[in-house]
Structure formats: C-alpha cells, structure tokens
N, C-alpha and C. Protein backbone atom coordinates (compact mmCIF):
# COMPACT_ATOMS: atom_id res chain seq x y z
N UNK A 1 1.40 10.96 -4.11
CA UNK A 1 2.84 10.71 -3.98
C UNK A 1 3.12 9.40 -3.24
N UNK A 2 2.39 9.19 -2.15
CA UNK A 2 2.55 7.96 -1.38
C UNK A 2 2.15 6.75 -2.23
N UNK A 3 1.05 6.89 -2.98
CA UNK A 3 0.57 5.79 -3.81
C UNK A 3 1.59 5.46 -4.90
N UNK A 4 2.21 6.49 -5.49
CA UNK A 4 3.22 6.27 -6.52
C UNK A 4 4.43 5.56 -5.94
N UNK A 5 4.84 5.97 -4.74
CA UNK A 5 5.98 5.34 -4.07
C UNK A 5 5.71 3.85 -3.82
N UNK A 6 4.49 3.56 -3.34
CA UNK A 6 4.13 2.17 -3.06
C UNK A 6 4.08 1.35 -4.35
N UNK A 7 3.60 1.96 -5.43
CA UNK A 7 3.54 1.27 -6.72
C UNK A 7 4.93 0.95 -7.23
N UNK A 8 5.85 1.91 -7.13
CA UNK A 8 7.23 1.69 -7.57
C UNK A 8 7.88 0.58 -6.75
N UNK A 9 7.65 0.59 -5.42
CA UNK A 9 8.21 -0.45 -4.57
C UNK A 9 7.66 -1.83 -4.94
N UNK A 10 6.36 -1.89 -5.21
CA UNK A 10 5.73 -3.17 -5.59
C UNK A 10 6.30 -3.68 -6.91
N UNK A 11 6.49 -2.77 -7.88
CA UNK A 11 7.05 -3.16 -9.18
C UNK A 11 8.48 -3.67 -9.02
N UNK A 12 9.28 -2.96 -8.19
CA UNK A 12 10.66 -3.38 -7.97
C UNK A 12 10.72 -4.75 -7.29
N UNK A 13 9.83 -4.94 -6.31
CA UNK A 13 9.76 -6.22 -5.61
C UNK A 13 9.40 -7.34 -6.59
N UNK A 14 8.44 -7.06 -7.48
CA UNK A 14 8.02 -8.05 -8.47
C UNK A 14 9.14 -8.41 -9.43
N UNK A 15 9.87 -7.38 -9.87
CA UNK A 15 10.99 -7.61 -10.80
C UNK A 15 12.06 -8.47 -10.15
N UNK A 16 12.38 -8.17 -8.88
CA UNK A 16 13.39 -8.96 -8.17
C UNK A 16 12.93 -10.40 -7.96
N UNK A 17 11.63 -10.56 -7.67
CA UNK A 17 11.09 -11.92 -7.47
C UNK A 17 11.21 -12.74 -8.76
N UNK A 18 10.86 -12.12 -9.90
CA UNK A 18 10.96 -12.82 -11.19
C UNK A 18 12.43 -13.10 -11.52
N UNK A 19 13.30 -12.13 -11.27
CA UNK A 19 14.73 -12.30 -11.55
C UNK A 19 15.32 -13.42 -10.71
N UNK A 20 14.86 -13.57 -9.48
CA UNK A 20 15.34 -14.65 -8.61
C UNK A 20 14.99 -16.00 -9.18
N UNK A 21 13.73 -16.17 -9.60
CA UNK A 21 13.28 -17.45 -10.17
C UNK A 21 14.04 -17.77 -11.46
N UNK A 22 14.14 -16.76 -12.34
CA UNK A 22 14.82 -16.96 -13.62
C UNK A 22 16.29 -17.32 -13.41
N UNK A 23 16.94 -16.63 -12.48
CA UNK A 23 18.37 -16.88 -12.26
C UNK A 23 18.61 -18.26 -11.66
N UNK A 24 17.73 -18.73 -10.78
CA UNK A 24 17.88 -20.08 -10.25
C UNK A 24 17.70 -21.12 -11.35
N UNK A 25 16.72 -20.88 -12.22
CA UNK A 25 16.48 -21.80 -13.34
C UNK A 25 17.67 -21.79 -14.31
N UNK A 26 18.20 -20.60 -14.59
CA UNK A 26 19.25 -20.44 -15.60
C UNK A 26 20.63 -20.89 -15.09
N UNK A 27 20.94 -20.50 -13.84
CA UNK A 27 22.29 -20.73 -13.33
C UNK A 27 22.40 -21.90 -12.36
N UNK A 28 21.27 -22.30 -11.78
CA UNK A 28 21.31 -23.40 -10.82
C UNK A 28 21.59 -22.92 -9.41
N UNK A 29 21.49 -23.87 -8.48
CA UNK A 29 21.60 -23.55 -7.05
C UNK A 29 23.02 -23.18 -6.63
N UNK A 30 24.02 -23.60 -7.38
CA UNK A 30 25.41 -23.41 -6.97
C UNK A 30 26.00 -22.07 -7.43
N UNK A 31 25.32 -21.41 -8.33
CA UNK A 31 25.83 -20.13 -8.84
C UNK A 31 25.48 -19.01 -7.84
N UNK A 32 26.40 -18.06 -7.59
CA UNK A 32 26.13 -17.00 -6.60
C UNK A 32 25.08 -15.97 -7.04
N UNK A 33 24.90 -15.78 -8.34
CA UNK A 33 24.01 -14.71 -8.83
C UNK A 33 22.59 -14.80 -8.28
N UNK A 34 21.92 -15.98 -8.36
CA UNK A 34 20.56 -16.01 -7.83
C UNK A 34 20.48 -15.76 -6.33
N UNK A 35 21.51 -16.17 -5.61
CA UNK A 35 21.51 -15.94 -4.16
C UNK A 35 21.67 -14.46 -3.83
N UNK A 36 22.45 -13.75 -4.64
CA UNK A 36 22.60 -12.30 -4.45
C UNK A 36 21.26 -11.60 -4.68
N UNK A 37 20.57 -12.01 -5.76
CA UNK A 37 19.27 -11.39 -6.05
C UNK A 37 18.26 -11.73 -4.95
N UNK A 38 18.30 -12.97 -4.45
CA UNK A 38 17.40 -13.37 -3.37
C UNK A 38 17.67 -12.55 -2.11
N UNK A 39 18.95 -12.29 -1.81
CA UNK A 39 19.30 -11.48 -0.65
C UNK A 39 18.74 -10.06 -0.79
N UNK A 40 18.82 -9.53 -2.01
CA UNK A 40 18.25 -8.20 -2.27
C UNK A 40 16.74 -8.21 -2.07
N UNK A 41 16.10 -9.29 -2.51
CA UNK A 41 14.65 -9.41 -2.37
C UNK A 41 14.24 -9.44 -0.91
N UNK A 42 14.99 -10.19 -0.10
CA UNK A 42 14.69 -10.30 1.34
C UNK A 42 15.01 -8.98 2.05
N UNK A 43 16.10 -8.35 1.63
CA UNK A 43 16.55 -7.13 2.33
C UNK A 43 15.71 -5.91 2.03
N UNK A 44 15.00 -5.91 0.90
CA UNK A 44 14.25 -4.73 0.49
C UNK A 44 13.21 -4.30 1.52
N UNK A 45 12.30 -5.19 2.00
CA UNK A 45 11.33 -4.75 3.01
C UNK A 45 11.96 -4.36 4.32
N UNK A 46 13.08 -5.02 4.68
CA UNK A 46 13.77 -4.68 5.92
C UNK A 46 14.32 -3.26 5.85
N UNK A 47 14.96 -2.94 4.72
CA UNK A 47 15.50 -1.60 4.52
C UNK A 47 14.39 -0.56 4.50
N UNK A 48 13.28 -0.89 3.84
CA UNK A 48 12.16 0.03 3.76
C UNK A 48 11.59 0.33 5.16
N UNK A 49 11.49 -0.72 6.00
CA UNK A 49 10.99 -0.53 7.37
C UNK A 49 11.92 0.35 8.20
N UNK A 50 13.22 0.17 8.00
CA UNK A 50 14.19 0.99 8.74
C UNK A 50 14.10 2.45 8.32
N UNK A 51 13.97 2.68 7.01
CA UNK A 51 13.83 4.05 6.52
C UNK A 51 12.54 4.69 7.02
N UNK A 52 11.46 3.91 7.07
CA UNK A 52 10.18 4.41 7.56
C UNK A 52 10.28 4.78 9.04
N UNK A 53 10.97 3.92 9.82
CA UNK A 53 11.12 4.17 11.27
C UNK A 53 11.89 5.46 11.53
N UNK A 54 12.84 5.78 10.65
CA UNK A 54 13.64 7.00 10.83
C UNK A 54 12.82 8.26 10.63
N UNK A 55 11.67 8.14 9.98
CA UNK A 55 10.84 9.32 9.74
C UNK A 55 10.02 9.70 10.97
N UNK A 56 10.01 8.83 11.99
CA UNK A 56 9.33 9.15 13.25
C UNK A 56 10.32 9.81 14.20
N UNK A 57 9.81 10.64 15.10
CA UNK A 57 10.67 11.37 16.03
C UNK A 57 10.76 10.59 17.34
N UNK A 58 11.94 10.55 17.91
CA UNK A 58 12.19 9.79 19.14
C UNK A 58 12.79 10.71 20.19
N UNK A 59 12.28 10.60 21.42
CA UNK A 59 12.80 11.41 22.53
C UNK A 59 14.20 10.95 22.91
N UNK A 60 15.12 11.90 23.02
CA UNK A 60 16.48 11.63 23.46
C UNK A 60 16.80 12.47 24.68
N UNK A 61 17.69 11.97 25.53
CA UNK A 61 18.03 12.68 26.76
C UNK A 61 18.57 14.09 26.49
N UNK A 62 19.21 14.26 25.33
CA UNK A 62 19.80 15.58 25.04
C UNK A 62 18.74 16.65 24.82
N UNK A 63 17.47 16.25 24.67
CA UNK A 63 16.40 17.22 24.49
C UNK A 63 15.88 17.76 25.82
N UNK A 64 16.29 17.18 26.94
CA UNK A 64 15.85 17.67 28.24
C UNK A 64 16.23 19.13 28.44
N UNK A 65 15.27 19.93 28.89
CA UNK A 65 15.57 21.33 29.20
C UNK A 65 15.70 21.55 30.71
N UNK A 66 15.48 20.49 31.49
CA UNK A 66 15.65 20.59 32.93
C UNK A 66 14.41 21.04 33.67
N UNK A 67 13.32 21.26 32.93
CA UNK A 67 12.04 21.65 33.51
C UNK A 67 11.06 20.51 33.24
N UNK A 68 10.70 19.79 34.29
CA UNK A 68 9.96 18.55 34.12
C UNK A 68 8.69 18.72 33.29
N UNK A 69 7.89 19.72 33.62
CA UNK A 69 6.60 19.87 32.94
C UNK A 69 6.79 20.22 31.45
N UNK A 70 7.86 20.97 31.15
CA UNK A 70 8.14 21.31 29.75
C UNK A 70 8.65 20.08 28.99
N UNK A 71 9.51 19.30 29.63
CA UNK A 71 9.97 18.06 29.00
C UNK A 71 8.80 17.11 28.73
N UNK A 72 7.85 17.06 29.65
CA UNK A 72 6.66 16.23 29.44
C UNK A 72 5.85 16.74 28.24
N UNK A 73 5.74 18.06 28.13
CA UNK A 73 5.05 18.65 26.98
C UNK A 73 5.73 18.25 25.67
N UNK A 74 7.06 18.37 25.66
CA UNK A 74 7.80 18.06 24.44
C UNK A 74 7.63 16.59 24.05
N UNK A 75 7.64 15.71 25.03
CA UNK A 75 7.44 14.29 24.74
C UNK A 75 6.05 14.03 24.18
N UNK A 76 5.05 14.72 24.74
CA UNK A 76 3.70 14.54 24.23
C UNK A 76 3.58 15.08 22.81
N UNK A 77 4.22 16.21 22.54
CA UNK A 77 4.20 16.75 21.17
C UNK A 77 4.82 15.77 20.18
N UNK A 78 5.91 15.12 20.60
CA UNK A 78 6.53 14.12 19.72
C UNK A 78 5.58 12.95 19.47
N UNK A 79 4.88 12.52 20.52
CA UNK A 79 3.91 11.43 20.36
C UNK A 79 2.81 11.83 19.37
N UNK A 80 2.35 13.07 19.46
CA UNK A 80 1.28 13.54 18.58
C UNK A 80 1.77 13.71 17.14
N UNK A 81 3.02 14.13 16.97
CA UNK A 81 3.61 14.21 15.62
C UNK A 81 3.69 12.82 15.01
N UNK A 82 4.10 11.84 15.81
CA UNK A 82 4.17 10.46 15.32
C UNK A 82 2.78 9.91 15.00
N UNK A 83 1.80 10.31 15.80
CA UNK A 83 0.42 9.88 15.53
C UNK A 83 -0.06 10.44 14.20
N UNK A 84 0.27 11.70 13.93
CA UNK A 84 -0.10 12.31 12.65
C UNK A 84 0.62 11.63 11.50
N UNK A 85 1.90 11.36 11.70
CA UNK A 85 2.70 10.67 10.67
C UNK A 85 2.08 9.31 10.35
N UNK A 86 1.67 8.58 11.38
CA UNK A 86 1.06 7.27 11.18
C UNK A 86 -0.27 7.39 10.44
N UNK A 87 -1.05 8.40 10.82
CA UNK A 87 -2.35 8.62 10.17
C UNK A 87 -2.18 8.87 8.68
N UNK A 88 -1.15 9.64 8.33
CA UNK A 88 -0.90 9.96 6.93
C UNK A 88 -0.31 8.77 6.18
N UNK A 89 0.66 8.09 6.79
CA UNK A 89 1.35 6.99 6.12
C UNK A 89 0.44 5.83 5.81
N UNK A 90 -0.51 5.56 6.72
CA UNK A 90 -1.35 4.38 6.56
C UNK A 90 -2.76 4.70 6.07
N UNK A 91 -2.96 5.92 5.61
CA UNK A 91 -4.24 6.32 5.01
C UNK A 91 -5.41 5.90 5.92
N UNK A 92 -5.38 6.39 7.16
CA UNK A 92 -6.39 5.98 8.14
C UNK A 92 -7.74 6.65 7.94
N UNK A 93 -7.81 7.60 7.02
CA UNK A 93 -9.09 8.24 6.73
C UNK A 93 -9.21 9.63 7.32
N UNK A 94 -10.17 10.37 6.81
CA UNK A 94 -10.34 11.78 7.18
C UNK A 94 -10.57 11.97 8.68
N UNK A 95 -11.38 11.12 9.29
CA UNK A 95 -11.71 11.29 10.71
C UNK A 95 -10.46 11.22 11.58
N UNK A 96 -9.65 10.19 11.37
CA UNK A 96 -8.44 10.01 12.19
C UNK A 96 -7.41 11.07 11.88
N UNK A 97 -7.26 11.42 10.59
CA UNK A 97 -6.30 12.47 10.20
C UNK A 97 -6.67 13.80 10.83
N UNK A 98 -7.95 14.14 10.77
CA UNK A 98 -8.41 15.41 11.33
C UNK A 98 -8.21 15.44 12.83
N UNK A 99 -8.51 14.33 13.49
CA UNK A 99 -8.32 14.26 14.94
C UNK A 99 -6.85 14.42 15.30
N UNK A 100 -5.96 13.74 14.57
CA UNK A 100 -4.53 13.83 14.85
C UNK A 100 -4.02 15.26 14.63
N UNK A 101 -4.48 15.90 13.58
CA UNK A 101 -4.06 17.28 13.28
C UNK A 101 -4.57 18.24 14.35
N UNK A 102 -5.83 18.09 14.75
CA UNK A 102 -6.42 18.99 15.74
C UNK A 102 -5.75 18.82 17.11
N UNK A 103 -5.46 17.58 17.48
CA UNK A 103 -4.79 17.33 18.76
C UNK A 103 -3.41 17.96 18.79
N UNK A 104 -2.68 17.82 17.68
CA UNK A 104 -1.35 18.41 17.61
C UNK A 104 -1.42 19.93 17.69
N UNK A 105 -2.38 20.53 16.99
CA UNK A 105 -2.53 21.99 17.02
C UNK A 105 -2.91 22.48 18.41
N UNK A 106 -3.84 21.78 19.06
CA UNK A 106 -4.30 22.19 20.40
C UNK A 106 -3.18 22.07 21.42
N UNK A 107 -2.44 20.97 21.38
CA UNK A 107 -1.37 20.80 22.38
C UNK A 107 -0.21 21.75 22.11
N UNK A 108 0.02 22.08 20.85
CA UNK A 108 1.06 23.07 20.52
C UNK A 108 0.72 24.41 21.15
N UNK A 109 -0.55 24.83 21.02
CA UNK A 109 -0.98 26.10 21.64
C UNK A 109 -0.84 26.04 23.16
N UNK A 110 -1.28 24.93 23.76
CA UNK A 110 -1.21 24.77 25.22
C UNK A 110 0.24 24.85 25.70
N UNK A 111 1.12 24.15 24.99
CA UNK A 111 2.53 24.14 25.39
C UNK A 111 3.16 25.52 25.25
N UNK A 112 2.89 26.20 24.14
CA UNK A 112 3.47 27.53 23.94
C UNK A 112 3.02 28.49 25.03
N UNK A 113 1.74 28.44 25.38
CA UNK A 113 1.22 29.31 26.44
C UNK A 113 1.91 29.02 27.76
N UNK A 114 2.13 27.76 28.04
CA UNK A 114 2.79 27.38 29.30
C UNK A 114 4.23 27.88 29.33
N UNK A 115 4.93 27.69 28.22
CA UNK A 115 6.32 28.13 28.13
C UNK A 115 6.42 29.64 28.28
N UNK A 116 5.48 30.35 27.65
CA UNK A 116 5.51 31.81 27.70
C UNK A 116 5.22 32.32 29.11
N UNK A 117 4.30 31.66 29.83
CA UNK A 117 4.06 32.04 31.23
C UNK A 117 5.32 31.85 32.06
N UNK A 118 6.01 30.75 31.81
CA UNK A 118 7.24 30.45 32.54
C UNK A 118 8.29 31.52 32.30
N UNK A 119 8.47 31.91 31.04
CA UNK A 119 9.49 32.91 30.71
C UNK A 119 9.12 34.27 31.28
N UNK A 120 7.85 34.64 31.20
CA UNK A 120 7.41 35.92 31.74
C UNK A 120 7.56 35.97 33.26
N UNK A 121 7.16 34.89 33.91
CA UNK A 121 7.21 34.86 35.37
C UNK A 121 8.62 35.07 35.89
N UNK A 122 9.60 34.54 35.17
CA UNK A 122 10.98 34.60 35.65
C UNK A 122 11.83 35.63 34.91
N UNK A 123 11.18 36.52 34.16
CA UNK A 123 11.87 37.64 33.55
C UNK A 123 12.90 37.26 32.51
N UNK A 124 12.61 36.24 31.71
CA UNK A 124 13.57 35.81 30.69
C UNK A 124 13.73 36.90 29.65
N UNK A 125 14.96 37.40 29.41
CA UNK A 125 15.16 38.53 28.50
C UNK A 125 14.88 38.21 27.03
N UNK A 126 14.89 36.93 26.68
CA UNK A 126 14.63 36.55 25.29
C UNK A 126 13.18 36.23 25.01
N UNK A 127 12.29 36.65 25.92
CA UNK A 127 10.87 36.29 25.81
C UNK A 127 10.24 36.75 24.49
N UNK A 128 10.42 38.01 24.12
CA UNK A 128 9.75 38.55 22.93
C UNK A 128 10.17 37.80 21.67
N UNK A 129 11.46 37.54 21.52
CA UNK A 129 11.95 36.82 20.34
C UNK A 129 11.42 35.39 20.33
N UNK A 130 11.37 34.78 21.52
CA UNK A 130 10.88 33.40 21.62
C UNK A 130 9.39 33.33 21.28
N UNK A 131 8.63 34.29 21.78
CA UNK A 131 7.19 34.32 21.50
C UNK A 131 6.94 34.52 20.00
N UNK A 132 7.77 35.32 19.36
CA UNK A 132 7.61 35.54 17.92
C UNK A 132 7.77 34.23 17.16
N UNK A 133 8.74 33.41 17.57
CA UNK A 133 8.95 32.10 16.94
C UNK A 133 7.72 31.22 17.14
N UNK A 134 7.15 31.26 18.37
CA UNK A 134 5.93 30.51 18.64
C UNK A 134 4.79 30.96 17.73
N UNK A 135 4.62 32.27 17.63
CA UNK A 135 3.51 32.81 16.82
C UNK A 135 3.65 32.41 15.34
N UNK A 136 4.89 32.40 14.85
CA UNK A 136 5.12 32.00 13.46
C UNK A 136 4.76 30.53 13.25
N UNK A 137 5.09 29.70 14.24
CA UNK A 137 4.77 28.28 14.11
C UNK A 137 3.26 28.05 14.18
N UNK A 138 2.58 28.76 15.06
CA UNK A 138 1.12 28.64 15.16
C UNK A 138 0.47 29.05 13.84
N UNK A 139 1.02 30.07 13.18
CA UNK A 139 0.49 30.49 11.88
C UNK A 139 0.68 29.39 10.84
N UNK A 140 1.82 28.71 10.89
CA UNK A 140 2.07 27.61 9.96
C UNK A 140 1.11 26.45 10.21
N UNK A 141 0.84 26.16 11.48
CA UNK A 141 -0.09 25.09 11.83
C UNK A 141 -1.49 25.43 11.34
N UNK A 142 -1.91 26.68 11.57
CA UNK A 142 -3.24 27.12 11.13
C UNK A 142 -3.35 27.03 9.60
N UNK A 143 -2.29 27.42 8.90
CA UNK A 143 -2.30 27.36 7.44
C UNK A 143 -2.39 25.90 6.97
N UNK A 144 -1.73 25.00 7.69
CA UNK A 144 -1.77 23.57 7.33
C UNK A 144 -3.17 23.01 7.50
N UNK A 145 -3.87 23.44 8.56
CA UNK A 145 -5.23 22.98 8.79
C UNK A 145 -6.16 23.49 7.68
N UNK A 146 -6.00 24.75 7.30
CA UNK A 146 -6.80 25.31 6.21
C UNK A 146 -6.52 24.58 4.90
N UNK A 147 -5.26 24.28 4.67
CA UNK A 147 -4.88 23.56 3.46
C UNK A 147 -5.51 22.17 3.45
N UNK A 148 -5.53 21.53 4.62
CA UNK A 148 -6.14 20.20 4.72
C UNK A 148 -7.63 20.27 4.44
N UNK A 149 -8.27 21.29 4.96
CA UNK A 149 -9.72 21.44 4.71
C UNK A 149 -10.02 21.58 3.22
N UNK A 150 -9.07 22.16 2.48
CA UNK A 150 -9.27 22.36 1.04
C UNK A 150 -8.83 21.16 0.21
N UNK A 151 -7.68 20.56 0.55
CA UNK A 151 -7.09 19.54 -0.33
C UNK A 151 -7.16 18.12 0.24
N UNK A 152 -7.46 17.99 1.54
CA UNK A 152 -7.55 16.67 2.12
C UNK A 152 -6.20 16.03 2.38
N UNK A 153 -6.13 14.71 2.24
CA UNK A 153 -4.98 13.91 2.63
C UNK A 153 -3.65 14.44 2.10
N UNK A 154 -3.59 14.82 0.84
CA UNK A 154 -2.32 15.24 0.23
C UNK A 154 -1.69 16.43 0.94
N UNK A 155 -2.52 17.25 1.58
CA UNK A 155 -2.00 18.44 2.26
C UNK A 155 -1.19 18.09 3.49
N UNK A 156 -1.36 16.87 4.01
CA UNK A 156 -0.71 16.50 5.28
C UNK A 156 0.62 15.80 5.09
N UNK A 157 0.95 15.42 3.87
CA UNK A 157 2.13 14.60 3.64
C UNK A 157 3.40 15.23 4.22
N UNK A 158 3.53 16.55 4.08
CA UNK A 158 4.74 17.22 4.56
C UNK A 158 4.60 17.84 5.95
N UNK A 159 3.41 17.74 6.55
CA UNK A 159 3.18 18.42 7.84
C UNK A 159 3.95 17.75 8.97
N UNK A 160 3.84 16.42 9.08
CA UNK A 160 4.53 15.72 10.17
C UNK A 160 6.05 15.89 10.11
N UNK A 161 6.69 15.72 8.93
CA UNK A 161 8.13 15.97 8.87
C UNK A 161 8.49 17.41 9.22
N UNK A 162 7.68 18.36 8.76
CA UNK A 162 7.93 19.77 9.09
C UNK A 162 7.85 19.99 10.60
N UNK A 163 6.79 19.46 11.23
CA UNK A 163 6.62 19.63 12.68
C UNK A 163 7.74 18.93 13.45
N UNK A 164 8.11 17.74 12.98
CA UNK A 164 9.19 16.99 13.63
C UNK A 164 10.50 17.78 13.61
N UNK A 165 10.89 18.25 12.43
CA UNK A 165 12.16 18.97 12.29
C UNK A 165 12.13 20.29 13.05
N UNK A 166 10.99 20.98 13.00
CA UNK A 166 10.88 22.25 13.71
C UNK A 166 11.01 22.03 15.22
N UNK A 167 10.30 21.04 15.76
CA UNK A 167 10.30 20.81 17.20
C UNK A 167 11.68 20.43 17.71
N UNK A 168 12.34 19.50 17.02
CA UNK A 168 13.67 19.06 17.46
C UNK A 168 14.64 20.23 17.43
N UNK A 169 14.63 21.01 16.36
CA UNK A 169 15.51 22.17 16.25
C UNK A 169 15.19 23.21 17.32
N UNK A 170 13.89 23.43 17.57
CA UNK A 170 13.45 24.43 18.54
C UNK A 170 13.88 24.04 19.96
N UNK A 171 13.70 22.78 20.31
CA UNK A 171 14.09 22.32 21.64
C UNK A 171 15.60 22.45 21.82
N UNK A 172 16.33 21.96 20.83
CA UNK A 172 17.78 21.84 20.96
C UNK A 172 18.49 23.19 20.92
N UNK A 173 17.92 24.15 20.16
CA UNK A 173 18.62 25.43 20.00
C UNK A 173 17.96 26.58 20.76
N UNK A 174 16.63 26.63 20.75
CA UNK A 174 15.94 27.80 21.32
C UNK A 174 15.55 27.58 22.78
N UNK A 175 14.90 26.45 23.06
CA UNK A 175 14.44 26.21 24.43
C UNK A 175 15.61 26.03 25.40
N UNK A 176 16.72 25.52 24.91
CA UNK A 176 17.88 25.35 25.80
C UNK A 176 18.39 26.69 26.32
N UNK A 177 18.08 27.77 25.60
CA UNK A 177 18.54 29.10 26.03
C UNK A 177 17.85 29.53 27.32
N UNK A 178 16.51 29.38 27.38
CA UNK A 178 15.85 29.78 28.63
C UNK A 178 16.13 28.77 29.73
N UNK A 179 16.43 27.52 29.35
CA UNK A 179 16.81 26.53 30.36
C UNK A 179 18.11 26.94 31.06
N UNK A 180 19.08 27.40 30.25
CA UNK A 180 20.34 27.86 30.84
C UNK A 180 20.12 29.09 31.71
N UNK A 181 19.24 29.98 31.27
CA UNK A 181 18.93 31.19 32.05
C UNK A 181 18.36 30.81 33.41
N UNK A 182 17.39 29.89 33.42
CA UNK A 182 16.78 29.46 34.68
C UNK A 182 17.80 28.79 35.59
N UNK A 183 18.68 28.00 34.98
CA UNK A 183 19.70 27.30 35.77
C UNK A 183 20.68 28.30 36.39
N UNK A 184 21.09 29.29 35.60
CA UNK A 184 22.03 30.30 36.10
C UNK A 184 21.42 31.12 37.23
N UNK A 185 20.09 31.33 37.18
CA UNK A 185 19.41 32.09 38.23
C UNK A 185 19.01 31.22 39.42
N UNK A 186 19.32 29.93 39.34
CA UNK A 186 18.96 29.02 40.42
C UNK A 186 17.46 28.82 40.53
N UNK A 187 16.76 28.84 39.40
CA UNK A 187 15.29 28.79 39.40
C UNK A 187 14.72 27.44 38.97
N UNK A 188 15.58 26.44 38.80
CA UNK A 188 15.08 25.14 38.33
C UNK A 188 14.51 24.31 39.48
N UNK A 189 13.52 24.87 40.13
CA UNK A 189 12.75 24.15 41.14
C UNK A 189 11.49 23.65 40.46
N UNK A 190 11.49 22.39 40.09
CA UNK A 190 10.40 21.88 39.25
C UNK A 190 9.04 21.97 39.90
N UNK A 191 8.99 21.81 41.24
CA UNK A 191 7.70 21.88 41.92
C UNK A 191 7.11 23.28 41.79
N UNK A 192 7.96 24.30 41.96
CA UNK A 192 7.50 25.68 41.86
C UNK A 192 7.17 26.03 40.41
N UNK A 193 8.01 25.58 39.49
CA UNK A 193 7.78 25.87 38.07
C UNK A 193 6.48 25.23 37.61
N UNK A 194 6.23 23.98 38.03
CA UNK A 194 4.99 23.31 37.64
C UNK A 194 3.79 24.10 38.13
N UNK A 195 3.92 24.67 39.34
CA UNK A 195 2.81 25.43 39.92
C UNK A 195 2.58 26.73 39.16
N UNK A 196 3.67 27.39 38.78
CA UNK A 196 3.52 28.73 38.19
C UNK A 196 3.19 28.70 36.71
N UNK A 197 3.58 27.66 36.02
CA UNK A 197 3.34 27.69 34.58
C UNK A 197 2.17 26.81 34.17
N UNK A 198 1.44 26.27 35.13
CA UNK A 198 0.27 25.45 34.83
C UNK A 198 -0.96 26.06 35.47
N UNK A 199 -1.57 27.03 34.79
CA UNK A 199 -2.79 27.61 35.33
C UNK A 199 -3.92 26.58 35.35
N UNK A 200 -3.91 25.73 34.31
CA UNK A 200 -4.88 24.64 34.26
C UNK A 200 -4.11 23.35 34.55
N UNK A 201 -4.13 22.88 35.80
CA UNK A 201 -3.32 21.73 36.18
C UNK A 201 -3.75 20.46 35.47
N UNK A 202 -4.99 20.43 34.96
CA UNK A 202 -5.45 19.26 34.22
C UNK A 202 -4.67 19.10 32.92
N UNK A 203 -4.11 20.22 32.43
CA UNK A 203 -3.36 20.18 31.19
C UNK A 203 -1.86 20.01 31.43
N UNK A 204 -1.45 19.89 32.68
CA UNK A 204 -0.05 19.65 32.97
C UNK A 204 0.24 18.20 32.65
N UNK A 205 0.91 18.03 31.52
CA UNK A 205 0.75 16.81 30.76
C UNK A 205 1.43 15.58 31.22
N UNK A 206 0.94 14.53 30.67
CA UNK A 206 1.59 13.23 30.71
C UNK A 206 1.92 12.86 29.29
N UNK A 207 3.14 12.44 29.06
CA UNK A 207 3.54 12.09 27.70
C UNK A 207 2.84 10.83 27.22
N UNK A 208 2.22 10.13 28.12
CA UNK A 208 1.56 8.88 27.74
C UNK A 208 0.14 9.09 27.28
N UNK A 209 -0.43 10.27 27.56
CA UNK A 209 -1.83 10.48 27.22
C UNK A 209 -1.99 10.94 25.80
C-alpha cells in the first residue's frame, strides 16, 4: 500500500513537471497557466510533508492527568508510537520494526500495571472497568505482534495509527476520570503517588528515554 502511494505521488509529480515545461513553451512566461502549474508542483511535497506530520501524535497540555509519573508514561508511549510510525513509513527493516513494536508493547504493559496499582491503592471505584479496557488493548497489541510475525511489514501499517487514536482517546476520556477522583479526594500528591505506583523505580519513566 505504501509503495503504491509513493508510485502514484511520483507519477503525479512527473505529470506536473512535464505540464509545467510544456505550458511555458506553449504559452510563454507572461501567461498565468504555467505559473499556476509550477505552484502546484512546488506545493505538492510541502502538502505531503504536512499531511505526513499530522499522522504523528503530539503531546498537548490537555492530556495532563495531574499525576506526574503517569503523564511521563503517556509521553513516552507517544514517543514509542511515533518511533513505530517512522519505522513503518521509512521501511527501516525487520530489526528496527520488531524493536519498535516490542518496546511499545513492553512499555504499554508497564504503564498499565502502574496505573492499575495507583487505582487499587486509592480505591478507585472504576478500577474493574478500566482494567478491562487495558486487557482488551493488550490483547490487540499481542494480536498485532503475532500478525507481524506472520505477514511482516504490511501487518504494521495500521498499528501505529490504531495505537495513536486509542491512546489519545483513552487519556482524554478514560484516564481523566480517575484523575478527577484523585483530585476530589485530595490525593494528587505526586511524590507519594510516584512512590506507591512505582514498585520498580527504574521503570518510573522519562519521556526522553
């Protein structure tokens, strides 16, 4: 699919390039038609780059849940989703694709476990429903890895967009619920939360790593 898209773009670029030359020869420098086609030719890669950039996920302040260690986890997950997207888009090869997929799967499990400890420790009433959502996502990730093992590169094309959309929706709609609960209970003490929800402090993340 990616190869077909690139081929179509190359053909369109070639057609516009030929049309620009022909129109300048036919109409001359003073006619607006060749300049319009030239503008389209120049604008095509710019537009393509902008559309490509929109497919990556970007951290926004509205995604903050008010729990520092959880926000750090979410930022790292976004970085890993973007890493997977880059691996797929630029055909970096099986080794890099597999590494990106495994890192995303591992950090997803680590983050879910941390979030679940946090909710359990503070008696969040929506814990069971939240954990079910986590379990369903882990099953989807596992299925994607199995699919990759069978089909290779093509299996990953939709994984990064799926993970991106799921994470943004999950943070904005689901995680904000336990954030409000903690805030209402006066429990947003980040130092204490970091201590209680990080059994392995080495995994208490940095979004830069």
